[in-house]
Protein backbone atom coordinates (compact mmCIF):
# COMPACT_ATOMS: atom_id res chain seq x y z
CA MET A 1 73.71 -120.51 -47.98
CA VAL A 2 77.08 -119.04 -47.45
CA VAL A 3 80.52 -120.74 -47.84
CA GLN A 4 83.41 -119.37 -46.23
CA ARG A 5 86.98 -120.48 -45.55
CA PHE A 6 88.49 -119.77 -42.17
CA GLY A 7 92.14 -121.07 -42.49
CA ASP A 8 91.87 -124.81 -42.27
CA VAL A 9 88.12 -125.10 -42.04
CA VAL A 10 85.28 -124.41 -44.66
CA GLN A 11 82.01 -123.45 -43.14
CA TRP A 12 78.42 -123.64 -44.62
CA SER A 13 75.85 -121.59 -42.95
CA ASP A 14 73.03 -118.85 -43.29
CA TRP A 15 70.78 -121.12 -45.13
CA GLN A 16 67.71 -119.64 -46.94
CA VAL A 17 64.91 -121.94 -46.68
CA PRO A 18 60.98 -121.51 -47.34
CA LYS A 19 59.02 -119.55 -44.76
CA GLY A 20 58.06 -121.82 -41.91
CA GLU A 21 60.88 -124.08 -42.70
CA VAL A 22 63.83 -124.87 -40.19
CA ALA A 23 67.24 -124.00 -41.48
CA PRO A 24 69.91 -126.65 -41.19
CA PRO A 25 72.75 -126.08 -38.58
CA GLU A 26 76.11 -124.61 -39.70
CA PHE A 27 78.29 -127.35 -41.20
CA HIS A 28 82.11 -127.23 -40.87
CA PHE A 29 84.47 -129.25 -43.09
CA GLU A 30 88.40 -129.87 -42.99
CA ALA A 31 89.65 -127.43 -45.92
CA GLY A 32 92.03 -130.06 -47.49
CA ALA A 33 89.32 -132.62 -47.83
CA TYR A 34 86.89 -130.18 -49.14
CA ASP A 35 89.23 -129.08 -51.70
CA ALA A 36 90.02 -132.67 -52.72
CA GLU A 37 86.19 -133.31 -53.05
CA LEU A 38 85.76 -130.32 -55.14
CA ALA A 39 88.62 -131.31 -57.56
CA ARG A 40 87.14 -134.84 -57.62
CA VAL A 41 83.70 -134.10 -58.67
CA GLY A 42 85.03 -131.23 -60.97
CA ALA A 43 86.91 -134.04 -62.75
CA ASP A 44 84.03 -136.53 -62.73
CA ARG A 45 82.14 -135.92 -66.19
CA TRP A 46 79.97 -139.13 -66.03
CA TRP A 47 77.07 -137.00 -66.80
CA SER A 48 78.44 -135.03 -69.72
CA VAL A 49 77.13 -135.84 -73.29
CA PRO A 50 80.08 -136.21 -75.82
CA GLY A 51 80.54 -133.68 -78.33
């Protein structure tokens, strides 16, 4: 898929799917909320193995 930012909007589009499958529609997100979620998951290391 392609992720693009257009001002205050983040767009996911152009999904690559297996032959015969239907691609999802475009998704649009408010850029501030998208950035906040990326920061949240980037800081959440619950899965990380210590040392």
